[in-house]
């Protein structure tokens, strides 16, 4: 998801101790960008941006455009992508960057990491908390962990990139003139990218860039997953990298009342209605999210675009959540808990008999959904066996 600006995040790893055993170090938290609306000439909806990115890549591939593109060629291809997608002409500058990226994609992929420059803007930092000083080249990251600059810089340097956290086309020009840089991977606002294009074109230096979603120079945001993709771009890399935040948000939508009716079928009696209401209650949806992550990771292997979310995946994710919610209902009854996460438990609201029945019903629903999956029968049997084994282990553990 797009956005930036975070709370204080410790840079040092957290250490956990268990008795006399050696301390277990956990890595520092990854900074999460907060949502900010895009500027007016960049689509605010990530799905529209992704659609434009794919359309630009498809168009360049179809016409076999050869970089470096001249300004007139760039305008011509940009107009074609706008016409194909039907988006407003106000997004032409943004689309032009995507078209240029598509043209240079394969060339940049063949250039070794150690011959590339990663250029990041200082405005990705959390300005009012950033401890980093500046020198004549730009910002000197202190790796405080407050923003994404640290993670991007550390990873790029690990791969072999030269990295600068600085602004402006003059920096790009001076680095190109050294002769040590054969490609530029950049993040910047549309205005700076537009000014840099003539220098890149004149030098025929391959360059790809992800535009900042705002140009106000303070706590700006960017499509971070796209930046990571470009940093790791190689000629051997054909794997689509999942947008995990978008997937998490998508999974949560599957548990609205209308979505559950579509996935599971309508609740036609009081028992199914009670169970469905409990299933739809707010939750973090970690288990269905992990189910979706595992499935999408397997489906995206060696693919260069996002795999489709299938009805089967939604059914499986809901089945996993059915099992989880059923275990919570039964656990609350056995432990005599009247509250969970500050809300009344089902047996406290409806009584033990209704709650027991609803929990059992959700178990049945989970198995039903797995049984309805359009997969190879042998695989389906194995899935049912794994679910059964999990429930046996759960029950034995609860009975101790």
Protein backbone atom coordinates (compact mmCIF):
# COMPACT_ATOMS: atom_id res chain seq x y z
CA UNK A 1 0.00 0.00 0.00
CA UNK A 2 1.14 3.53 -0.65
CA UNK A 3 1.98 5.97 2.11
CA UNK A 4 4.63 7.00 4.56
CA UNK A 5 5.16 8.59 7.96
CA UNK A 6 5.57 6.19 10.84
CA UNK A 7 5.80 6.02 14.59
CA UNK A 8 9.19 5.64 16.25
CA UNK A 9 10.66 2.24 15.37
CA UNK A 10 13.67 0.80 17.18
CA UNK A 11 16.66 0.32 14.90
CA UNK A 12 18.27 -2.29 17.14
CA UNK A 13 16.95 -5.87 17.11
CA UNK A 14 14.68 -6.89 19.97
CA UNK A 15 16.13 -9.66 22.17
CA UNK A 16 14.02 -12.33 23.85
CA UNK A 17 15.33 -14.55 26.64
CA UNK A 18 13.92 -17.90 27.70
CA UNK A 19 15.52 -19.03 30.95
CA UNK A 20 19.21 -19.79 30.63
CA UNK A 21 19.06 -20.23 26.86
CA UNK A 22 20.90 -17.76 24.60
CA UNK A 23 18.92 -14.64 23.70
CA UNK A 24 16.87 -14.81 20.53
CA UNK A 25 17.22 -11.67 18.43
CA UNK A 26 14.26 -10.50 16.39
CA UNK A 27 14.87 -8.20 13.43
CA UNK A 28 13.67 -4.60 13.72
CA UNK A 29 10.18 -3.83 12.49
CA UNK A 30 9.73 -2.80 8.88
CA UNK A 31 8.45 0.79 8.64
CA UNK A 32 4.93 0.91 7.26
CA UNK A 33 3.92 3.82 5.06
CA UNK A 34 0.75 5.64 5.96
CA UNK A 35 -1.68 6.42 3.18
CA UNK A 36 -1.52 9.83 1.54
CA UNK A 37 -3.57 10.89 -1.46
CA UNK A 38 -1.62 11.13 -4.70
CA UNK A 39 -1.12 14.45 -6.44
CA UNK A 40 -3.70 15.32 -9.08
CA UNK A 41 -1.75 14.05 -12.11
CA UNK A 42 -1.09 10.60 -10.61
CA UNK A 43 -3.92 8.06 -10.11
CA UNK A 44 -4.72 7.68 -6.42
CA UNK A 45 -5.92 4.08 -6.85
CA UNK A 46 -3.02 1.59 -6.81
CA UNK A 47 -5.04 -0.72 -9.05
CA UNK A 48 -5.23 1.97 -11.75
CA UNK A 49 -1.49 2.59 -11.46
CA UNK A 50 -0.86 -1.15 -11.83
CA UNK A 51 -3.18 -1.26 -14.85
CA UNK A 52 -1.25 1.58 -16.51
CA UNK A 53 2.09 -0.07 -15.74
CA UNK A 54 0.98 -3.32 -17.36
CA UNK A 55 -0.53 -1.50 -20.35
CA UNK A 56 2.73 0.38 -20.91
CA UNK A 57 4.77 -2.83 -20.76
CA UNK A 58 2.36 -4.64 -23.10
CA UNK A 59 2.43 -1.76 -25.60
CA UNK A 60 6.22 -1.48 -25.68
CA UNK A 61 6.50 -5.23 -26.10
CA UNK A 62 3.91 -5.24 -28.90
CA UNK A 63 5.49 -2.43 -30.96
CA UNK A 64 9.02 -3.59 -30.12
CA UNK A 65 10.15 -0.07 -29.21
CA UNK A 66 13.92 0.32 -28.96
CA UNK A 67 15.45 2.65 -26.36
CA UNK A 68 16.54 5.35 -25.97
CA UNK A 69 13.22 6.90 -26.92
CA UNK A 70 13.26 10.46 -28.18
CA UNK A 71 10.86 12.98 -26.66
CA UNK A 72 8.58 12.68 -29.68
CA UNK A 73 8.62 8.87 -29.52
CA UNK A 74 7.88 8.96 -25.81
CA UNK A 75 4.90 11.24 -26.40
CA UNK A 76 3.64 9.01 -29.21
CA UNK A 77 3.79 5.83 -27.10
CA UNK A 78 2.29 7.62 -24.10
CA UNK A 79 -0.68 8.76 -26.19
CA UNK A 80 -1.16 5.19 -27.40
CA UNK A 81 -1.25 3.82 -23.83
CA UNK A 82 -3.69 6.53 -22.76
CA UNK A 83 -5.95 5.63 -25.67
CA UNK A 84 -5.75 1.90 -24.92
CA UNK A 85 -6.60 2.32 -21.24
CA UNK A 86 -9.07 5.18 -21.54
CA UNK A 87 -7.60 7.05 -18.57
CA UNK A 88 -7.65 10.83 -18.35
CA UNK A 89 -4.99 12.76 -20.26
CA UNK A 90 -4.06 14.51 -17.00
CA UNK A 91 -2.02 11.38 -16.18
CA UNK A 92 0.15 11.66 -19.30
CA UNK A 93 3.37 12.59 -17.45
CA UNK A 94 2.97 9.64 -15.10
CA UNK A 95 2.28 7.29 -18.00
CA UNK A 96 5.33 8.65 -19.84
CA UNK A 97 7.55 7.47 -16.97
CA UNK A 98 5.97 4.02 -17.12
CA UNK A 99 6.50 3.88 -20.89
CA UNK A 100 10.15 4.85 -20.53
CA UNK A 101 10.59 2.23 -17.81
CA UNK A 102 9.10 -0.44 -20.06
CA UNK A 103 11.42 0.53 -22.91
CA UNK A 104 14.55 0.31 -20.74
CA UNK A 105 13.44 -2.69 -18.64
CA UNK A 106 15.32 -5.46 -20.43
CA UNK A 107 18.44 -3.35 -20.92
CA UNK A 108 18.71 -2.42 -17.25
CA UNK A 109 18.09 -6.06 -16.30
CA UNK A 110 21.29 -7.08 -18.11
CA UNK A 111 23.53 -4.52 -16.37
CA UNK A 112 25.36 -5.79 -13.25
CA UNK A 113 24.24 -4.34 -9.94
CA UNK A 114 27.69 -2.90 -9.28
CA UNK A 115 27.37 -0.74 -12.41
CA UNK A 116 24.06 0.77 -11.30
CA UNK A 117 23.19 3.86 -9.28
CA UNK A 118 20.20 3.92 -6.93
CA UNK A 119 19.01 7.48 -6.50
CA UNK A 120 16.56 8.10 -3.65
CA UNK A 121 14.95 11.38 -2.54
CA UNK A 122 15.47 12.73 0.96
CA UNK A 123 11.75 13.49 1.20
CA UNK A 124 10.99 9.80 1.85
CA UNK A 125 12.28 10.40 5.38
CA UNK A 126 10.09 11.34 8.35
CA UNK A 127 11.27 14.93 8.29
CA UNK A 128 10.50 16.01 11.85
CA UNK A 129 12.24 12.95 13.36
CA UNK A 130 15.04 12.11 10.92
CA UNK A 131 18.49 12.32 12.61
CA UNK A 132 20.49 12.08 9.36
CA UNK A 133 22.91 14.91 8.43
CA UNK A 134 23.77 16.08 4.91
CA UNK A 135 27.04 16.48 3.05
CA UNK A 136 27.80 17.78 -0.46
CA UNK A 137 26.41 14.57 -1.99
CA UNK A 138 23.17 14.32 -0.04
CA UNK A 139 21.66 12.69 3.03
CA UNK A 140 23.80 10.38 5.17
CA UNK A 141 21.30 7.81 6.46
CA UNK A 142 21.75 6.93 10.15
CA UNK A 143 19.74 3.72 9.74
CA UNK A 144 17.32 4.73 12.49
CA UNK A 145 14.55 2.58 11.01
CA UNK A 146 11.94 5.33 10.86
CA UNK A 147 11.47 5.27 7.08
CA UNK A 148 12.08 3.09 4.05
CA UNK A 149 15.36 4.78 3.05
CA UNK A 150 17.38 2.51 5.36
CA UNK A 151 15.95 -0.74 4.01
CA UNK A 152 16.30 0.32 0.38
CA UNK A 153 19.84 1.62 0.89
CA UNK A 154 21.10 -1.40 2.83
CA UNK A 155 19.66 -3.86 0.32
CA UNK A 156 20.94 -1.96 -2.72
CA UNK A 157 24.45 -1.67 -1.25
CA UNK A 158 24.37 -5.37 -0.38
CA UNK A 159 23.72 -6.10 -4.05
CA UNK A 160 26.54 -3.79 -5.16
CA UNK A 161 24.76 -0.56 -6.12
CA UNK A 162 26.17 2.90 -5.63
CA UNK A 163 23.52 4.73 -3.60
CA UNK A 164 22.78 8.42 -3.26
CA UNK A 165 20.01 10.02 -1.24
CA UNK A 166 19.88 13.34 -3.05
CA UNK A 167 17.78 15.48 -5.37
CA UNK A 168 18.08 16.93 -8.82
CA UNK A 169 19.21 16.26 -12.36
CA UNK A 170 22.69 17.70 -11.69
CA UNK A 171 23.52 14.75 -9.44
CA UNK A 172 22.45 12.31 -12.14
CA UNK A 173 24.53 14.12 -14.75
CA UNK A 174 27.67 14.20 -12.61
CA UNK A 175 27.42 10.50 -11.76
CA UNK A 176 26.92 9.60 -15.42
CA UNK A 177 29.98 11.61 -16.43
CA UNK A 178 32.23 9.55 -14.14
CA UNK A 179 31.83 6.63 -16.54
CA UNK A 180 31.38 4.19 -13.67
CA UNK A 181 27.60 4.09 -13.83
CA UNK A 182 25.87 2.26 -16.67
CA UNK A 183 22.28 2.44 -15.41
CA UNK A 184 20.21 4.52 -13.01
CA UNK A 185 17.37 3.26 -10.83
CA UNK A 186 15.61 6.22 -9.33
CA UNK A 187 12.78 7.46 -7.17
CA UNK A 188 11.75 11.07 -7.61
CA UNK A 189 8.86 13.43 -8.26
CA UNK A 190 7.53 13.82 -11.79
CA UNK A 191 8.99 17.31 -12.09
CA UNK A 192 12.56 16.14 -11.41
CA UNK A 193 12.15 13.09 -13.64
CA UNK A 194 11.01 15.33 -16.49
CA UNK A 195 14.09 17.55 -16.09
CA UNK A 196 16.40 14.52 -15.92
CA UNK A 197 15.08 12.93 -19.12
CA UNK A 198 17.08 15.08 -21.60
CA UNK A 199 20.35 14.25 -19.80
CA UNK A 200 19.53 10.55 -19.78
CA UNK A 201 18.51 10.65 -23.46
CA UNK A 202 21.61 12.59 -24.51
CA UNK A 203 23.92 10.14 -22.77
CA UNK A 204 21.83 7.12 -23.81
CA UNK A 205 22.09 5.93 -20.21
CA UNK A 206 19.50 3.27 -19.33
CA UNK A 207 17.26 4.45 -16.52
CA UNK A 208 14.11 3.33 -14.77
CA UNK A 209 12.25 5.29 -12.13
CA UNK A 210 9.30 5.09 -9.79
CA UNK A 211 7.54 8.45 -9.36
CA UNK A 212 6.80 9.80 -5.92
CA UNK A 213 3.06 10.05 -5.42
CA UNK A 214 3.34 13.62 -4.12
CA UNK A 215 5.60 16.54 -5.05
CA UNK A 216 5.39 18.56 -1.82
CA UNK A 217 8.82 17.30 -0.65
CA UNK A 218 7.68 16.37 2.88
CA UNK A 219 6.96 12.80 4.03
CA UNK A 220 6.25 11.74 0.46
CA UNK A 221 5.10 8.26 -0.50
CA UNK A 222 5.92 5.83 -3.28
CA UNK A 223 4.90 2.38 -4.51
CA UNK A 224 7.57 0.64 -2.45
CA UNK A 225 6.96 -2.81 -3.93
CA UNK A 226 7.77 -1.39 -7.37
CA UNK A 227 10.99 0.12 -6.05
CA UNK A 228 12.03 -3.25 -4.59
CA UNK A 229 11.23 -4.91 -7.93
CA UNK A 230 13.48 -2.50 -9.81
CA UNK A 231 16.33 -2.79 -7.31
CA UNK A 232 16.32 -6.58 -7.74
CA UNK A 233 15.72 -6.50 -11.50
CA UNK A 234 17.94 -8.95 -13.40
CA UNK A 235 17.73 -10.63 -16.78
CA UNK A 236 17.12 -13.95 -15.00
CA UNK A 237 14.34 -12.60 -12.78
CA UNK A 238 10.89 -13.53 -14.04
CA UNK A 239 9.17 -13.73 -10.67
CA UNK A 240 6.35 -11.36 -9.80
CA UNK A 241 6.76 -9.90 -6.30
CA UNK A 242 3.56 -9.90 -4.33
CA UNK A 243 2.08 -6.69 -2.97
CA UNK A 244 1.46 -8.14 0.48
CA UNK A 245 -0.27 -5.08 1.93
CA UNK A 246 -2.73 -4.99 -0.97
CA UNK A 247 -3.31 -8.74 -0.62
CA UNK A 248 -3.99 -8.36 3.12
CA UNK A 249 -6.55 -5.63 2.42
CA UNK A 250 -8.14 -7.78 -0.29
CA UNK A 251 -8.45 -10.79 2.03
CA UNK A 252 -10.30 -8.70 4.62
CA UNK A 253 -12.96 -7.81 2.04
CA UNK A 254 -13.79 -11.51 1.63
CA UNK A 255 -15.37 -11.52 5.08
CA UNK A 256 -18.06 -8.92 4.51
CA UNK A 257 -21.61 -10.29 4.61
CA UNK A 258 -22.14 -10.02 0.85
CA UNK A 259 -18.77 -11.61 0.05
CA UNK A 260 -19.40 -14.51 2.44
CA UNK A 261 -22.78 -15.13 0.81
CA UNK A 262 -21.06 -15.22 -2.59
CA UNK A 263 -18.29 -17.57 -1.41
CA UNK A 264 -20.31 -19.85 0.88
CA UNK A 265 -23.82 -19.50 -0.44
CA UNK A 266 -26.68 -17.81 1.44
CA UNK A 267 -27.34 -18.51 5.12
CA UNK A 268 -30.81 -20.05 4.91
CA UNK A 269 -31.55 -20.94 8.56
CA UNK A 270 -30.94 -19.58 12.05
CA UNK A 271 -27.97 -21.86 12.79
CA UNK A 272 -26.10 -20.81 9.66
CA UNK A 273 -27.07 -17.17 10.27
CA UNK A 274 -25.61 -17.19 13.80
CA UNK A 275 -22.42 -18.88 12.59
CA UNK A 276 -22.12 -16.49 9.64
CA UNK A 277 -22.51 -13.43 11.86
CA UNK A 278 -19.73 -14.71 14.11
CA UNK A 279 -17.51 -15.44 11.12
CA UNK A 280 -18.04 -11.92 9.78
CA UNK A 281 -17.05 -10.20 13.04
CA UNK A 282 -13.95 -8.03 12.86
CA UNK A 283 -10.65 -9.86 13.06
CA UNK A 284 -7.08 -9.65 11.81
CA UNK A 285 -7.65 -12.55 9.39
CA UNK A 286 -4.07 -13.73 9.80
CA UNK A 287 -4.84 -17.36 8.91
CA UNK A 288 -6.71 -16.67 5.67
CA UNK A 289 -4.08 -14.04 4.83
CA UNK A 290 -1.25 -16.57 5.27
CA UNK A 291 -3.25 -19.05 3.20
CA UNK A 292 -3.55 -16.47 0.43
CA UNK A 293 0.15 -15.54 0.69
CA UNK A 294 1.28 -19.15 0.33
CA UNK A 295 -1.06 -19.79 -2.59
CA UNK A 296 -0.19 -16.59 -4.45
CA UNK A 297 3.54 -17.13 -3.89
CA UNK A 298 3.31 -20.56 -5.49
CA UNK A 299 1.16 -19.29 -8.36
CA UNK A 300 3.47 -16.33 -9.04
CA UNK A 301 6.65 -18.39 -9.27
CA UNK A 302 8.41 -17.61 -12.56
CA UNK A 303 5.60 -15.22 -13.57
CA UNK A 304 6.07 -11.55 -14.42
CA UNK A 305 2.59 -10.40 -13.42
CA UNK A 306 0.16 -10.92 -10.57
CA UNK A 307 -1.70 -14.26 -10.61
CA UNK A 308 -5.48 -14.17 -10.54
CA UNK A 309 -7.30 -14.62 -7.24
CA UNK A 310 -9.56 -17.60 -7.86
CA UNK A 311 -12.88 -18.58 -6.26
CA UNK A 312 -11.08 -21.68 -4.92
CA UNK A 313 -8.56 -19.52 -3.06
CA UNK A 314 -11.36 -17.54 -1.44
CA UNK A 315 -13.13 -20.76 -0.41
CA UNK A 316 -9.96 -22.18 1.11
CA UNK A 317 -9.21 -18.96 2.99
CA UNK A 318 -12.75 -18.84 4.39
CA UNK A 319 -12.52 -22.53 5.33
CA UNK A 320 -9.38 -21.84 7.37
CA UNK A 321 -11.12 -18.96 9.15
CA UNK A 322 -14.16 -21.18 9.83
CA UNK A 323 -11.90 -23.63 11.64
CA UNK A 324 -10.28 -20.80 13.62
CA UNK A 325 -13.55 -19.14 14.65
CA UNK A 326 -15.00 -22.51 15.67
CA UNK A 327 -11.98 -23.17 17.91
CA UNK A 328 -12.43 -19.76 19.57
CA UNK A 329 -16.10 -20.45 20.31
CA UNK A 330 -15.32 -23.83 21.87
CA UNK A 331 -12.28 -22.47 23.73
CA UNK A 332 -14.33 -19.65 25.27
CA UNK A 333 -16.95 -22.14 26.47
CA UNK A 334 -14.36 -24.50 27.99
CA UNK A 335 -12.52 -21.65 29.71
CA UNK A 336 -15.69 -19.89 30.85
CA UNK A 337 -14.63 -16.62 29.24
CA UNK A 338 -17.39 -14.05 28.83
CA UNK A 339 -15.25 -11.53 26.94
CA UNK A 340 -12.83 -11.79 24.01
CA UNK A 341 -10.99 -8.70 22.81
CA UNK A 342 -13.37 -6.58 24.88
CA UNK A 343 -16.54 -8.02 23.33
CA UNK A 344 -19.00 -10.57 24.69
CA UNK A 345 -18.32 -14.13 23.59
CA UNK A 346 -20.92 -16.06 21.61
CA UNK A 347 -21.99 -18.30 24.49
CA UNK A 348 -22.37 -15.20 26.70
CA UNK A 349 -24.69 -13.70 24.09
CA UNK A 350 -26.62 -16.72 22.85
CA UNK A 351 -26.10 -19.37 25.53
CA UNK A 352 -23.90 -22.47 25.55
CA UNK A 353 -26.17 -24.74 23.46
CA UNK A 354 -26.41 -22.24 20.58
CA UNK A 355 -22.69 -21.46 20.74
CA UNK A 356 -21.68 -25.13 20.76
CA UNK A 357 -23.88 -25.78 17.77
CA UNK A 358 -22.53 -22.74 15.90
CA UNK A 359 -18.95 -23.88 16.51
CA UNK A 360 -19.72 -27.37 15.26
CA UNK A 361 -21.50 -25.87 12.26
CA UNK A 362 -18.44 -23.78 11.35
CA UNK A 363 -16.26 -26.90 11.48
CA UNK A 364 -18.63 -28.56 9.05
CA UNK A 365 -18.61 -25.49 6.83
CA UNK A 366 -14.82 -25.55 6.69
CA UNK A 367 -14.76 -29.15 5.54
CA UNK A 368 -17.59 -28.49 3.08
CA UNK A 369 -15.69 -25.63 1.46
CA UNK A 370 -12.54 -27.74 1.10
CA UNK A 371 -14.64 -30.53 -0.37
CA UNK A 372 -16.02 -28.14 -3.00
CA UNK A 373 -12.60 -27.03 -4.26
CA UNK A 374 -11.92 -27.65 -7.95
CA UNK A 375 -8.64 -29.46 -7.39
CA UNK A 376 -7.28 -32.91 -8.11
CA UNK A 377 -9.15 -35.48 -5.93
CA UNK A 378 -5.91 -36.83 -4.46
CA UNK A 379 -4.85 -33.32 -3.42
CA UNK A 380 -8.28 -32.70 -1.93
CA UNK A 381 -8.03 -35.88 0.14
CA UNK A 382 -4.64 -34.78 1.45
CA UNK A 383 -6.02 -31.35 2.37
CA UNK A 384 -8.90 -32.93 4.29
CA UNK A 385 -6.49 -35.28 6.07
CA UNK A 386 -4.29 -32.35 7.12
CA UNK A 387 -7.28 -30.41 8.43
CA UNK A 388 -8.48 -33.48 10.35
CA UNK A 389 -5.04 -34.04 11.86
CA UNK A 390 -4.95 -30.41 12.93
CA UNK A 391 -8.28 -30.72 14.72
CA UNK A 392 -7.21 -33.90 16.49
CA UNK A 393 -4.05 -32.18 17.73
CA UNK A 394 -6.05 -29.12 18.79
CA UNK A 395 -8.54 -31.22 20.75
CA UNK A 396 -5.84 -33.26 22.47
CA UNK A 397 -4.06 -30.06 23.48
CA UNK A 398 -7.25 -28.51 24.84
CA UNK A 399 -8.01 -31.67 26.81
CA UNK A 400 -4.76 -31.66 28.79
